[in-house]
Amino acid sequence: SGAVAFLLYFELLDRLGPTELNLIGYVEPVV
């Protein structure tokens, strides 16, 4: 959840942009 997750974050930021990726904060509580 540190190094690997941030690498995924950078990849998704490039693919989706910050607008769509911002919604991940509302999936985390469900998980």
mmCIF file of all heavy atoms, coordinates in Angstrom:
data_MODEL
# 
_entry.id   MODEL 
# 
loop_
_atom_site.group_PDB 
_atom_site.id 
_atom_site.type_symbol 
_atom_site.label_atom_id 
_atom_site.label_alt_id 
_atom_site.label_comp_id 
_atom_site.label_asym_id 
_atom_site.label_entity_id 
_atom_site.label_seq_id 
_atom_site.pdbx_PDB_ins_code 
_atom_site.Cartn_x 
_atom_site.Cartn_y 
_atom_site.Cartn_z 
_atom_site.occupancy 
_atom_site.B_iso_or_equiv 
_atom_site.pdbx_formal_charge 
_atom_site.auth_seq_id 
_atom_site.auth_comp_id 
_atom_site.auth_asym_id 
_atom_site.auth_atom_id 
_atom_site.pdbx_PDB_model_num 
ATOM 1   N N   . SER A 1 1  ? 0.820   -1.216 0.000   1.00 0.00 ? 1  SER A N   1 
ATOM 2   C CA  . SER A 1 1  ? 0.000   0.000  0.000   1.00 0.00 ? 1  SER A CA  1 
ATOM 3   C C   . SER A 1 1  ? 0.849   1.260  0.000   1.00 0.00 ? 1  SER A C   1 
ATOM 4   O O   . SER A 1 1  ? 0.323   2.366  -0.118  1.00 0.00 ? 1  SER A O   1 
ATOM 5   C CB  . SER A 1 1  ? -0.952  0.014  1.206   1.00 0.00 ? 1  SER A CB  1 
ATOM 6   O OG  . SER A 1 1  ? -0.234  0.121  2.414   1.00 0.00 ? 1  SER A OG  1 
ATOM 7   N N   . GLY A 1 2  ? 2.172   1.099  0.089   1.00 0.00 ? 2  GLY A N   1 
ATOM 8   C CA  . GLY A 1 2  ? 3.079   2.226  -0.025  1.00 0.00 ? 2  GLY A CA  1 
ATOM 9   C C   . GLY A 1 2  ? 3.664   2.311  -1.418  1.00 0.00 ? 2  GLY A C   1 
ATOM 10  O O   . GLY A 1 2  ? 3.112   2.961  -2.308  1.00 0.00 ? 2  GLY A O   1 
ATOM 11  N N   . ALA A 1 3  ? 4.778   1.612  -1.653  1.00 0.00 ? 3  ALA A N   1 
ATOM 12  C CA  . ALA A 1 3  ? 5.514   1.746  -2.918  1.00 0.00 ? 3  ALA A CA  1 
ATOM 13  C C   . ALA A 1 3  ? 4.700   1.271  -4.128  1.00 0.00 ? 3  ALA A C   1 
ATOM 14  O O   . ALA A 1 3  ? 4.545   1.993  -5.111  1.00 0.00 ? 3  ALA A O   1 
ATOM 15  C CB  . ALA A 1 3  ? 6.826   0.971  -2.819  1.00 0.00 ? 3  ALA A CB  1 
ATOM 16  N N   . VAL A 1 4  ? 4.167   0.039  -4.082  1.00 0.00 ? 4  VAL A N   1 
ATOM 17  C CA  . VAL A 1 4  ? 3.440   -0.505 -5.234  1.00 0.00 ? 4  VAL A CA  1 
ATOM 18  C C   . VAL A 1 4  ? 2.184   0.316  -5.527  1.00 0.00 ? 4  VAL A C   1 
ATOM 19  O O   . VAL A 1 4  ? 1.883   0.636  -6.684  1.00 0.00 ? 4  VAL A O   1 
ATOM 20  C CB  . VAL A 1 4  ? 3.072   -1.987 -4.992  1.00 0.00 ? 4  VAL A CB  1 
ATOM 21  C CG1 . VAL A 1 4  ? 2.177   -2.506 -6.117  1.00 0.00 ? 4  VAL A CG1 1 
ATOM 22  C CG2 . VAL A 1 4  ? 4.332   -2.840 -4.889  1.00 0.00 ? 4  VAL A CG2 1 
ATOM 23  N N   . ALA A 1 5  ? 1.447   0.676  -4.470  1.00 0.00 ? 5  ALA A N   1 
ATOM 24  C CA  . ALA A 1 5  ? 0.212   1.439  -4.664  1.00 0.00 ? 5  ALA A CA  1 
ATOM 25  C C   . ALA A 1 5  ? 0.489   2.796  -5.307  1.00 0.00 ? 5  ALA A C   1 
ATOM 26  O O   . ALA A 1 5  ? -0.267  3.243  -6.178  1.00 0.00 ? 5  ALA A O   1 
ATOM 27  C CB  . ALA A 1 5  ? -0.512  1.624  -3.332  1.00 0.00 ? 5  ALA A CB  1 
ATOM 28  N N   . PHE A 1 6  ? 1.581   3.450  -4.928  1.00 0.00 ? 6  PHE A N   1 
ATOM 29  C CA  . PHE A 1 6  ? 1.874   4.742  -5.525  1.00 0.00 ? 6  PHE A CA  1 
ATOM 30  C C   . PHE A 1 6  ? 2.316   4.607  -6.974  1.00 0.00 ? 6  PHE A C   1 
ATOM 31  O O   . PHE A 1 6  ? 2.064   5.486  -7.799  1.00 0.00 ? 6  PHE A O   1 
ATOM 32  C CB  . PHE A 1 6  ? 2.903   5.498  -4.699  1.00 0.00 ? 6  PHE A CB  1 
ATOM 33  C CG  . PHE A 1 6  ? 2.296   6.312  -3.597  1.00 0.00 ? 6  PHE A CG  1 
ATOM 34  C CD1 . PHE A 1 6  ? 2.362   5.890  -2.283  1.00 0.00 ? 6  PHE A CD1 1 
ATOM 35  C CD2 . PHE A 1 6  ? 1.626   7.495  -3.875  1.00 0.00 ? 6  PHE A CD2 1 
ATOM 36  C CE1 . PHE A 1 6  ? 1.787   6.628  -1.260  1.00 0.00 ? 6  PHE A CE1 1 
ATOM 37  C CE2 . PHE A 1 6  ? 1.050   8.245  -2.871  1.00 0.00 ? 6  PHE A CE2 1 
ATOM 38  C CZ  . PHE A 1 6  ? 1.122   7.817  -1.554  1.00 0.00 ? 6  PHE A CZ  1 
ATOM 39  N N   . LEU A 1 7  ? 2.946   3.505  -7.312  1.00 0.00 ? 7  LEU A N   1 
ATOM 40  C CA  . LEU A 1 7  ? 3.273   3.274  -8.714  1.00 0.00 ? 7  LEU A CA  1 
ATOM 41  C C   . LEU A 1 7  ? 1.998   3.098  -9.533  1.00 0.00 ? 7  LEU A C   1 
ATOM 42  O O   . LEU A 1 7  ? 1.885   3.612  -10.655 1.00 0.00 ? 7  LEU A O   1 
ATOM 43  C CB  . LEU A 1 7  ? 4.170   2.038  -8.854  1.00 0.00 ? 7  LEU A CB  1 
ATOM 44  C CG  . LEU A 1 7  ? 5.578   2.161  -8.258  1.00 0.00 ? 7  LEU A CG  1 
ATOM 45  C CD1 . LEU A 1 7  ? 6.336   0.855  -8.434  1.00 0.00 ? 7  LEU A CD1 1 
ATOM 46  C CD2 . LEU A 1 7  ? 6.341   3.304  -8.917  1.00 0.00 ? 7  LEU A CD2 1 
ATOM 47  N N   . LEU A 1 8  ? 1.022   2.370  -8.981  1.00 0.00 ? 8  LEU A N   1 
ATOM 48  C CA  . LEU A 1 8  ? -0.282  2.258  -9.648  1.00 0.00 ? 8  LEU A CA  1 
ATOM 49  C C   . LEU A 1 8  ? -0.960  3.621  -9.739  1.00 0.00 ? 8  LEU A C   1 
ATOM 50  O O   . LEU A 1 8  ? -1.585  3.951  -10.753 1.00 0.00 ? 8  LEU A O   1 
ATOM 51  C CB  . LEU A 1 8  ? -1.193  1.288  -8.882  1.00 0.00 ? 8  LEU A CB  1 
ATOM 52  C CG  . LEU A 1 8  ? -0.859  -0.200 -8.934  1.00 0.00 ? 8  LEU A CG  1 
ATOM 53  C CD1 . LEU A 1 8  ? -1.915  -0.994 -8.185  1.00 0.00 ? 8  LEU A CD1 1 
ATOM 54  C CD2 . LEU A 1 8  ? -0.751  -0.682 -10.367 1.00 0.00 ? 8  LEU A CD2 1 
ATOM 55  N N   . TYR A 1 9  ? -0.833  4.402  -8.686  1.00 0.00 ? 9  TYR A N   1 
ATOM 56  C CA  . TYR A 1 9  ? -1.432  5.734  -8.671  1.00 0.00 ? 9  TYR A CA  1 
ATOM 57  C C   . TYR A 1 9  ? -0.886  6.598  -9.806  1.00 0.00 ? 9  TYR A C   1 
ATOM 58  O O   . TYR A 1 9  ? -1.643  7.258  -10.515 1.00 0.00 ? 9  TYR A O   1 
ATOM 59  C CB  . TYR A 1 9  ? -1.156  6.394  -7.316  1.00 0.00 ? 9  TYR A CB  1 
ATOM 60  C CG  . TYR A 1 9  ? -1.594  7.838  -7.246  1.00 0.00 ? 9  TYR A CG  1 
ATOM 61  C CD1 . TYR A 1 9  ? -2.921  8.172  -6.994  1.00 0.00 ? 9  TYR A CD1 1 
ATOM 62  C CD2 . TYR A 1 9  ? -0.671  8.866  -7.427  1.00 0.00 ? 9  TYR A CD2 1 
ATOM 63  C CE1 . TYR A 1 9  ? -3.324  9.495  -6.932  1.00 0.00 ? 9  TYR A CE1 1 
ATOM 64  C CE2 . TYR A 1 9  ? -1.067  10.190 -7.367  1.00 0.00 ? 9  TYR A CE2 1 
ATOM 65  C CZ  . TYR A 1 9  ? -2.392  10.501 -7.117  1.00 0.00 ? 9  TYR A CZ  1 
ATOM 66  O OH  . TYR A 1 9  ? -2.778  11.817 -7.075  1.00 0.00 ? 9  TYR A OH  1 
ATOM 67  N N   . PHE A 1 10 ? 0.445   6.584  -9.995  1.00 0.00 ? 10 PHE A N   1 
ATOM 68  C CA  . PHE A 1 10 ? 1.051   7.367  -11.062 1.00 0.00 ? 10 PHE A CA  1 
ATOM 69  C C   . PHE A 1 10 ? 0.558   6.906  -12.436 1.00 0.00 ? 10 PHE A C   1 
ATOM 70  O O   . PHE A 1 10 ? 0.278   7.715  -13.314 1.00 0.00 ? 10 PHE A O   1 
ATOM 71  C CB  . PHE A 1 10 ? 2.581   7.267  -11.007 1.00 0.00 ? 10 PHE A CB  1 
ATOM 72  C CG  . PHE A 1 10 ? 3.178   7.802  -9.743  1.00 0.00 ? 10 PHE A CG  1 
ATOM 73  C CD1 . PHE A 1 10 ? 4.247   7.151  -9.133  1.00 0.00 ? 10 PHE A CD1 1 
ATOM 74  C CD2 . PHE A 1 10 ? 2.681   8.945  -9.154  1.00 0.00 ? 10 PHE A CD2 1 
ATOM 75  C CE1 . PHE A 1 10 ? 4.799   7.643  -7.964  1.00 0.00 ? 10 PHE A CE1 1 
ATOM 76  C CE2 . PHE A 1 10 ? 3.230   9.446  -7.985  1.00 0.00 ? 10 PHE A CE2 1 
ATOM 77  C CZ  . PHE A 1 10 ? 4.289   8.789  -7.388  1.00 0.00 ? 10 PHE A CZ  1 
ATOM 78  N N   . GLU A 1 11 ? 0.433   5.590  -12.606 1.00 0.00 ? 11 GLU A N   1 
ATOM 79  C CA  . GLU A 1 11 ? -0.036  5.052  -13.877 1.00 0.00 ? 11 GLU A CA  1 
ATOM 80  C C   . GLU A 1 11 ? -1.482  5.466  -14.141 1.00 0.00 ? 11 GLU A C   1 
ATOM 81  O O   . GLU A 1 11 ? -1.834  5.894  -15.246 1.00 0.00 ? 11 GLU A O   1 
ATOM 82  C CB  . GLU A 1 11 ? 0.079   3.527  -13.870 1.00 0.00 ? 11 GLU A CB  1 
ATOM 83  C CG  . GLU A 1 11 ? -0.463  2.828  -15.105 1.00 0.00 ? 11 GLU A CG  1 
ATOM 84  C CD  . GLU A 1 11 ? 0.294   3.174  -16.380 1.00 0.00 ? 11 GLU A CD  1 
ATOM 85  O OE1 . GLU A 1 11 ? 1.472   3.580  -16.279 1.00 0.00 ? 11 GLU A OE1 1 
ATOM 86  O OE2 . GLU A 1 11 ? -0.281  3.046  -17.472 1.00 0.00 ? 11 GLU A OE2 1 
ATOM 87  N N   . LEU A 1 12 ? -2.334  5.355  -13.123 1.00 0.00 ? 12 LEU A N   1 
ATOM 88  C CA  . LEU A 1 12 ? -3.742  5.735  -13.282 1.00 0.00 ? 12 LEU A CA  1 
ATOM 89  C C   . LEU A 1 12 ? -3.901  7.243  -13.450 1.00 0.00 ? 12 LEU A C   1 
ATOM 90  O O   . LEU A 1 12 ? -4.793  7.700  -14.165 1.00 0.00 ? 12 LEU A O   1 
ATOM 91  C CB  . LEU A 1 12 ? -4.551  5.254  -12.077 1.00 0.00 ? 12 LEU A CB  1 
ATOM 92  C CG  . LEU A 1 12 ? -4.830  3.751  -12.034 1.00 0.00 ? 12 LEU A CG  1 
ATOM 93  C CD1 . LEU A 1 12 ? -5.408  3.350  -10.684 1.00 0.00 ? 12 LEU A CD1 1 
ATOM 94  C CD2 . LEU A 1 12 ? -5.781  3.347  -13.153 1.00 0.00 ? 12 LEU A CD2 1 
ATOM 95  N N   . LEU A 1 13 ? -3.043  8.007  -12.799 1.00 0.00 ? 13 LEU A N   1 
ATOM 96  C CA  . LEU A 1 13 ? -3.097  9.456  -12.954 1.00 0.00 ? 13 LEU A CA  1 
ATOM 97  C C   . LEU A 1 13 ? -2.830  9.840  -14.404 1.00 0.00 ? 13 LEU A C   1 
ATOM 98  O O   . LEU A 1 13 ? -3.466  10.741 -14.955 1.00 0.00 ? 13 LEU A O   1 
ATOM 99  C CB  . LEU A 1 13 ? -2.059  10.112 -12.041 1.00 0.00 ? 13 LEU A CB  1 
ATOM 100 C CG  . LEU A 1 13 ? -2.107  11.636 -11.913 1.00 0.00 ? 13 LEU A CG  1 
ATOM 101 C CD1 . LEU A 1 13 ? -3.433  12.080 -11.294 1.00 0.00 ? 13 LEU A CD1 1 
ATOM 102 C CD2 . LEU A 1 13 ? -0.926  12.137 -11.086 1.00 0.00 ? 13 LEU A CD2 1 
ATOM 103 N N   . ASP A 1 14 ? -1.918  9.106  -15.027 1.00 0.00 ? 14 ASP A N   1 
ATOM 104 C CA  . ASP A 1 14 ? -1.607  9.360  -16.431 1.00 0.00 ? 14 ASP A CA  1 
ATOM 105 C C   . ASP A 1 14 ? -2.762  8.928  -17.340 1.00 0.00 ? 14 ASP A C   1 
ATOM 106 O O   . ASP A 1 14 ? -3.065  9.580  -18.332 1.00 0.00 ? 14 ASP A O   1 
ATOM 107 C CB  . ASP A 1 14 ? -0.318  8.627  -16.813 1.00 0.00 ? 14 ASP A CB  1 
ATOM 108 C CG  . ASP A 1 14 ? 0.104   8.909  -18.248 1.00 0.00 ? 14 ASP A CG  1 
ATOM 109 O OD1 . ASP A 1 14 ? 0.306   10.081 -18.588 1.00 0.00 ? 14 ASP A OD1 1 
ATOM 110 O OD2 . ASP A 1 14 ? 0.221   7.952  -19.032 1.00 0.00 ? 14 ASP A OD2 1 
ATOM 111 N N   . ARG A 1 15 ? -3.429  7.813  -16.994 1.00 0.00 ? 15 ARG A N   1 
ATOM 112 C CA  . ARG A 1 15 ? -4.506  7.294  -17.833 1.00 0.00 ? 15 ARG A CA  1 
ATOM 113 C C   . ARG A 1 15 ? -5.824  8.044  -17.639 1.00 0.00 ? 15 ARG A C   1 
ATOM 114 O O   . ARG A 1 15 ? -6.553  8.308  -18.595 1.00 0.00 ? 15 ARG A O   1 
ATOM 115 C CB  . ARG A 1 15 ? -4.752  5.810  -17.526 1.00 0.00 ? 15 ARG A CB  1 
ATOM 116 C CG  . ARG A 1 15 ? -3.607  4.887  -17.863 1.00 0.00 ? 15 ARG A CG  1 
ATOM 117 C CD  . ARG A 1 15 ? -4.077  3.441  -17.711 1.00 0.00 ? 15 ARG A CD  1 
ATOM 118 N NE  . ARG A 1 15 ? -2.980  2.487  -17.850 1.00 0.00 ? 15 ARG A NE  1 
ATOM 119 C CZ  . ARG A 1 15 ? -3.147  1.176  -17.918 1.00 0.00 ? 15 ARG A CZ  1 
ATOM 120 N NH1 . ARG A 1 15 ? -4.373  0.670  -17.855 1.00 0.00 ? 15 ARG A NH1 1 
ATOM 121 N NH2 . ARG A 1 15 ? -2.112  0.365  -18.031 1.00 0.00 ? 15 ARG A NH2 1 
ATOM 122 N N   . LEU A 1 16 ? -6.159  8.362  -16.382 1.00 0.00 ? 16 LEU A N   1 
ATOM 123 C CA  . LEU A 1 16 ? -7.475  8.902  -16.061 1.00 0.00 ? 16 LEU A CA  1 
ATOM 124 C C   . LEU A 1 16 ? -7.470  10.403 -15.795 1.00 0.00 ? 16 LEU A C   1 
ATOM 125 O O   . LEU A 1 16 ? -8.478  11.073 -16.033 1.00 0.00 ? 16 LEU A O   1 
ATOM 126 C CB  . LEU A 1 16 ? -8.053  8.192  -14.829 1.00 0.00 ? 16 LEU A CB  1 
ATOM 127 C CG  . LEU A 1 16 ? -8.273  6.681  -14.925 1.00 0.00 ? 16 LEU A CG  1 
ATOM 128 C CD1 . LEU A 1 16 ? -8.720  6.142  -13.579 1.00 0.00 ? 16 LEU A CD1 1 
ATOM 129 C CD2 . LEU A 1 16 ? -9.302  6.354  -15.993 1.00 0.00 ? 16 LEU A CD2 1 
ATOM 130 N N   . GLY A 1 17 ? -6.369  10.904 -15.266 1.00 0.00 ? 17 GLY A N   1 
ATOM 131 C CA  . GLY A 1 17 ? -6.338  12.280 -14.816 1.00 0.00 ? 17 GLY A CA  1 
ATOM 132 C C   . GLY A 1 17 ? -6.860  12.377 -13.395 1.00 0.00 ? 17 GLY A C   1 
ATOM 133 O O   . GLY A 1 17 ? -7.489  11.451 -12.872 1.00 0.00 ? 17 GLY A O   1 
ATOM 134 N N   . PRO A 1 18 ? -6.624  13.514 -12.734 1.00 0.00 ? 18 PRO A N   1 
ATOM 135 C CA  . PRO A 1 18 ? -6.996  13.649 -11.325 1.00 0.00 ? 18 PRO A CA  1 
ATOM 136 C C   . PRO A 1 18 ? -8.503  13.650 -11.081 1.00 0.00 ? 18 PRO A C   1 
ATOM 137 O O   . PRO A 1 18 ? -8.956  13.280 -10.001 1.00 0.00 ? 18 PRO A O   1 
ATOM 138 C CB  . PRO A 1 18 ? -6.377  14.998 -10.931 1.00 0.00 ? 18 PRO A CB  1 
ATOM 139 C CG  . PRO A 1 18 ? -6.228  15.741 -12.221 1.00 0.00 ? 18 PRO A CG  1 
ATOM 140 C CD  . PRO A 1 18 ? -5.948  14.698 -13.262 1.00 0.00 ? 18 PRO A CD  1 
ATOM 141 N N   . THR A 1 19 ? -9.300  14.044 -12.074 1.00 0.00 ? 19 THR A N   1 
ATOM 142 C CA  . THR A 1 19 ? -10.745 14.143 -11.878 1.00 0.00 ? 19 THR A CA  1 
ATOM 143 C C   . THR A 1 19 ? -11.364 12.787 -11.570 1.00 0.00 ? 19 THR A C   1 
ATOM 144 O O   . THR A 1 19 ? -12.029 12.597 -10.545 1.00 0.00 ? 19 THR A O   1 
ATOM 145 C CB  . THR A 1 19 ? -11.415 14.748 -13.123 1.00 0.00 ? 19 THR A CB  1 
ATOM 146 O OG1 . THR A 1 19 ? -10.890 16.061 -13.340 1.00 0.00 ? 19 THR A OG1 1 
ATOM 147 C CG2 . THR A 1 19 ? -12.917 14.841 -12.926 1.00 0.00 ? 19 THR A CG2 1 
ATOM 148 N N   . GLU A 1 20 ? -11.145 11.821 -12.435 1.00 0.00 ? 20 GLU A N   1 
ATOM 149 C CA  . GLU A 1 20 ? -11.703 10.489 -12.212 1.00 0.00 ? 20 GLU A CA  1 
ATOM 150 C C   . GLU A 1 20 ? -11.020 9.774  -11.046 1.00 0.00 ? 20 GLU A C   1 
ATOM 151 O O   . GLU A 1 20 ? -11.671 9.103  -10.244 1.00 0.00 ? 20 GLU A O   1 
ATOM 152 C CB  . GLU A 1 20 ? -11.569 9.646  -13.483 1.00 0.00 ? 20 GLU A CB  1 
ATOM 153 C CG  . GLU A 1 20 ? -12.464 10.095 -14.616 1.00 0.00 ? 20 GLU A CG  1 
ATOM 154 C CD  . GLU A 1 20 ? -12.367 9.161  -15.814 1.00 0.00 ? 20 GLU A CD  1 
ATOM 155 O OE1 . GLU A 1 20 ? -12.665 7.960  -15.650 1.00 0.00 ? 20 GLU A OE1 1 
ATOM 156 O OE2 . GLU A 1 20 ? -12.000 9.625  -16.903 1.00 0.00 ? 20 GLU A OE2 1 
ATOM 157 N N   . LEU A 1 21 ? -9.707  9.948  -10.938 1.00 0.00 ? 21 LEU A N   1 
ATOM 158 C CA  . LEU A 1 21 ? -8.967  9.226  -9.900  1.00 0.00 ? 21 LEU A CA  1 
ATOM 159 C C   . LEU A 1 21 ? -9.350  9.698  -8.506  1.00 0.00 ? 21 LEU A C   1 
ATOM 160 O O   . LEU A 1 21 ? -9.230  8.950  -7.528  1.00 0.00 ? 21 LEU A O   1 
ATOM 161 C CB  . LEU A 1 21 ? -7.471  9.390  -10.141 1.00 0.00 ? 21 LEU A CB  1 
ATOM 162 C CG  . LEU A 1 21 ? -6.531  8.499  -9.322  1.00 0.00 ? 21 LEU A CG  1 
ATOM 163 C CD1 . LEU A 1 21 ? -6.918  7.030  -9.447  1.00 0.00 ? 21 LEU A CD1 1 
ATOM 164 C CD2 . LEU A 1 21 ? -5.092  8.710  -9.743  1.00 0.00 ? 21 LEU A CD2 1 
ATOM 165 N N   . ASN A 1 22 ? -9.833  10.932 -8.387  1.00 0.00 ? 22 ASN A N   1 
ATOM 166 C CA  . ASN A 1 22 ? -10.226 11.487 -7.093  1.00 0.00 ? 22 ASN A CA  1 
ATOM 167 C C   . ASN A 1 22 ? -11.323 10.666 -6.424  1.00 0.00 ? 22 ASN A C   1 
ATOM 168 O O   . ASN A 1 22 ? -11.448 10.654 -5.202  1.00 0.00 ? 22 ASN A O   1 
ATOM 169 C CB  . ASN A 1 22 ? -10.705 12.931 -7.295  1.00 0.00 ? 22 ASN A CB  1 
ATOM 170 C CG  . ASN A 1 22 ? -10.725 13.717 -6.000  1.00 0.00 ? 22 ASN A CG  1 
ATOM 171 O OD1 . ASN A 1 22 ? -9.935  13.460 -5.102  1.00 0.00 ? 22 ASN A OD1 1 
ATOM 172 N ND2 . ASN A 1 22 ? -11.618 14.667 -5.902  1.00 0.00 ? 22 ASN A ND2 1 
ATOM 173 N N   . LEU A 1 23 ? -12.107 9.940  -7.233  1.00 0.00 ? 23 LEU A N   1 
ATOM 174 C CA  . LEU A 1 23 ? -13.216 9.149  -6.689  1.00 0.00 ? 23 LEU A CA  1 
ATOM 175 C C   . LEU A 1 23 ? -12.752 7.932  -5.905  1.00 0.00 ? 23 LEU A C   1 
ATOM 176 O O   . LEU A 1 23 ? -13.550 7.301  -5.205  1.00 0.00 ? 23 LEU A O   1 
ATOM 177 C CB  . LEU A 1 23 ? -14.141 8.699  -7.826  1.00 0.00 ? 23 LEU A CB  1 
ATOM 178 C CG  . LEU A 1 23 ? -14.955 9.806  -8.498  1.00 0.00 ? 23 LEU A CG  1 
ATOM 179 C CD1 . LEU A 1 23 ? -15.756 9.243  -9.654  1.00 0.00 ? 23 LEU A CD1 1 
ATOM 180 C CD2 . LEU A 1 23 ? -15.865 10.495 -7.499  1.00 0.00 ? 23 LEU A CD2 1 
ATOM 181 N N   . ILE A 1 24 ? -11.488 7.607  -5.999  1.00 0.00 ? 24 ILE A N   1 
ATOM 182 C CA  . ILE A 1 24 ? -11.007 6.413  -5.302  1.00 0.00 ? 24 ILE A CA  1 
ATOM 183 C C   . ILE A 1 24 ? -11.145 6.561  -3.788  1.00 0.00 ? 24 ILE A C   1 
ATOM 184 O O   . ILE A 1 24 ? -11.288 5.573  -3.068  1.00 0.00 ? 24 ILE A O   1 
ATOM 185 C CB  . ILE A 1 24 ? -9.540  6.104  -5.689  1.00 0.00 ? 24 ILE A CB  1 
ATOM 186 C CG1 . ILE A 1 24 ? -9.230  4.631  -5.422  1.00 0.00 ? 24 ILE A CG1 1 
ATOM 187 C CG2 . ILE A 1 24 ? -8.544  7.012  -4.936  1.00 0.00 ? 24 ILE A CG2 1 
ATOM 188 C CD1 . ILE A 1 24 ? -7.978  4.155  -6.105  1.00 0.00 ? 24 ILE A CD1 1 
ATOM 189 N N   . GLY A 1 25 ? -11.160 7.804  -3.316  1.00 0.00 ? 25 GLY A N   1 
ATOM 190 C CA  . GLY A 1 25 ? -11.327 8.036  -1.886  1.00 0.00 ? 25 GLY A CA  1 
ATOM 191 C C   . GLY A 1 25 ? -12.668 7.573  -1.350  1.00 0.00 ? 25 GLY A C   1 
ATOM 192 O O   . GLY A 1 25 ? -12.824 7.397  -0.137  1.00 0.00 ? 25 GLY A O   1 
ATOM 193 N N   . TYR A 1 26 ? -13.639 7.350  -2.240  1.00 0.00 ? 26 TYR A N   1 
ATOM 194 C CA  . TYR A 1 26 ? -14.952 6.885  -1.810  1.00 0.00 ? 26 TYR A CA  1 
ATOM 195 C C   . TYR A 1 26 ? -15.146 5.387  -2.041  1.00 0.00 ? 26 TYR A C   1 
ATOM 196 O O   . TYR A 1 26 ? -16.192 4.838  -1.689  1.00 0.00 ? 26 TYR A O   1 
ATOM 197 C CB  . TYR A 1 26 ? -16.045 7.703  -2.506  1.00 0.00 ? 26 TYR A CB  1 
ATOM 198 C CG  . TYR A 1 26 ? -16.020 9.120  -2.003  1.00 0.00 ? 26 TYR A CG  1 
ATOM 199 C CD1 . TYR A 1 26 ? -15.296 10.093 -2.673  1.00 0.00 ? 26 TYR A CD1 1 
ATOM 200 C CD2 . TYR A 1 26 ? -16.643 9.461  -0.820  1.00 0.00 ? 26 TYR A CD2 1 
ATOM 201 C CE1 . TYR A 1 26 ? -15.214 11.385 -2.185  1.00 0.00 ? 26 TYR A CE1 1 
ATOM 202 C CE2 . TYR A 1 26 ? -16.579 10.749 -0.317  1.00 0.00 ? 26 TYR A CE2 1 
ATOM 203 C CZ  . TYR A 1 26 ? -15.859 11.708 -1.002  1.00 0.00 ? 26 TYR A CZ  1 
ATOM 204 O OH  . TYR A 1 26 ? -15.775 12.969 -0.499  1.00 0.00 ? 26 TYR A OH  1 
ATOM 205 N N   . VAL A 1 27 ? -14.154 4.743  -2.605  1.00 0.00 ? 27 VAL A N   1 
ATOM 206 C CA  . VAL A 1 27 ? -14.155 3.286  -2.706  1.00 0.00 ? 27 VAL A CA  1 
ATOM 207 C C   . VAL A 1 27 ? -13.389 2.689  -1.527  1.00 0.00 ? 27 VAL A C   1 
ATOM 208 O O   . VAL A 1 27 ? -13.736 1.613  -1.028  1.00 0.00 ? 27 VAL A O   1 
ATOM 209 C CB  . VAL A 1 27 ? -13.529 2.831  -4.043  1.00 0.00 ? 27 VAL A CB  1 
ATOM 210 C CG1 . VAL A 1 27 ? -13.583 1.311  -4.171  1.00 0.00 ? 27 VAL A CG1 1 
ATOM 211 C CG2 . VAL A 1 27 ? -14.250 3.487  -5.219  1.00 0.00 ? 27 VAL A CG2 1 
ATOM 212 N N   . GLU A 1 28 ? -12.378 3.404  -1.058  1.00 0.00 ? 28 GLU A N   1 
ATOM 213 C CA  . GLU A 1 28 ? -11.547 2.907  0.041   1.00 0.00 ? 28 GLU A CA  1 
ATOM 214 C C   . GLU A 1 28 ? -12.343 2.547  1.291   1.00 0.00 ? 28 GLU A C   1 
ATOM 215 O O   . GLU A 1 28 ? -12.100 1.485  1.886   1.00 0.00 ? 28 GLU A O   1 
ATOM 216 C CB  . GLU A 1 28 ? -10.471 3.939  0.388   1.00 0.00 ? 28 GLU A CB  1 
ATOM 217 C CG  . GLU A 1 28 ? -9.414  4.113  -0.683  1.00 0.00 ? 28 GLU A CG  1 
ATOM 218 C CD  . GLU A 1 28 ? -8.506  5.285  -0.385  1.00 0.00 ? 28 GLU A CD  1 
ATOM 219 O OE1 . GLU A 1 28 ? -8.323  5.601  0.813   1.00 0.00 ? 28 GLU A OE1 1 
ATOM 220 O OE2 . GLU A 1 28 ? -7.983  5.897  -1.330  1.00 0.00 ? 28 GLU A OE2 1 
ATOM 221 N N   . PRO A 1 29 ? -13.301 3.395  1.759   1.00 0.00 ? 29 PRO A N   1 
ATOM 222 C CA  . PRO A 1 29 ? -14.048 3.006  2.960   1.00 0.00 ? 29 PRO A CA  1 
ATOM 223 C C   . PRO A 1 29 ? -14.843 1.722  2.787   1.00 0.00 ? 29 PRO A C   1 
ATOM 224 O O   . PRO A 1 29 ? -15.027 0.967  3.754   1.00 0.00 ? 29 PRO A O   1 
ATOM 225 C CB  . PRO A 1 29 ? -14.982 4.206  3.195   1.00 0.00 ? 29 PRO A CB  1 
ATOM 226 C CG  . PRO A 1 29 ? -14.308 5.345  2.531   1.00 0.00 ? 29 PRO A CG  1 
ATOM 227 C CD  . PRO A 1 29 ? -13.644 4.755  1.323   1.00 0.00 ? 29 PRO A CD  1 
ATOM 228 N N   . VAL A 1 30 ? -15.323 1.459  1.580   1.00 0.00 ? 30 VAL A N   1 
ATOM 229 C CA  . VAL A 1 30 ? -16.059 0.220  1.322   1.00 0.00 ? 30 VAL A CA  1 
ATOM 230 C C   . VAL A 1 30 ? -15.126 -0.975 1.503   1.00 0.00 ? 30 VAL A C   1 
ATOM 231 O O   . VAL A 1 30 ? -15.471 -1.970 2.159   1.00 0.00 ? 30 VAL A O   1 
ATOM 232 C CB  . VAL A 1 30 ? -16.656 0.232  -0.101  1.00 0.00 ? 30 VAL A CB  1 
ATOM 233 C CG1 . VAL A 1 30 ? -17.365 -1.082 -0.389  1.00 0.00 ? 30 VAL A CG1 1 
ATOM 234 C CG2 . VAL A 1 30 ? -17.617 1.406  -0.272  1.00 0.00 ? 30 VAL A CG2 1 
ATOM 235 N N   . VAL A 1 31 ? -13.927 -0.871 0.918   1.00 0.00 ? 31 VAL A N   1 
ATOM 236 C CA  . VAL A 1 31 ? -12.932 -1.935 1.067   1.00 0.00 ? 31 VAL A CA  1 
ATOM 237 C C   . VAL A 1 31 ? -12.539 -2.099 2.530   1.00 0.00 ? 31 VAL A C   1 
ATOM 238 O O   . VAL A 1 31 ? -12.452 -3.217 3.047   1.00 0.00 ? 31 VAL A O   1 
ATOM 239 C CB  . VAL A 1 31 ? -11.696 -1.636 0.204   1.00 0.00 ? 31 VAL A CB  1 
ATOM 240 C CG1 . VAL A 1 31 ? -10.619 -2.701 0.434   1.00 0.00 ? 31 VAL A CG1 1 
ATOM 241 C CG2 . VAL A 1 31 ? -12.065 -1.579 -1.271  1.00 0.00 ? 31 VAL A CG2 1 
# 
